[in-house]
Amino acid sequence: MCRRSRTLSRISPHRFIAHCDCCGGIVHLAWDNLTLALSPEDFRRLNEFFTLHAEPPKVQEEGVEVVLYQRETPSSASVRLWIGNVGLRLERLSWGELRHLCFLASQTLELPELFPEAPTARPRQLN
């Protein structure tokens, strides 16, 4: 992680989200022994996923680019949250903690729009 990063949200010394301006504004998600370096766009997708899912979804999400979810077993209380090709095993309480951590970080970070509106063409002025 970058030395010049600033912490956006923290729930413990080992669970926090930080941001640095180098490398295009990388967002560092630290969760216990794992630290992910996410692009601002990937972090926004993760945050939008959590905005839509206060609780783990009952079925696996299809077509989600950054985050996929699956139950460990059909009756399991834990889920596996996939961010890219990295899976986090989360209990229900941890799901809420990570969701809240992302929400707090997104409040202080200016995130790019996922689908910016198409620029409107301006008529060229001829002199």
Foldseek 3Di string as FASTA:
>chain_A
DDPPWDWQFDDDPQATWIWDPPPQIWIWGGDHPDIDTHHLLLLVLVLVVCVVPVFPDLCWDPPRDAWTKDCPDNPDQWIWIGGPNDTDIDGRVRSNVNNVRSVSSPVPDDGDDNDDDDDDDDDDDDD
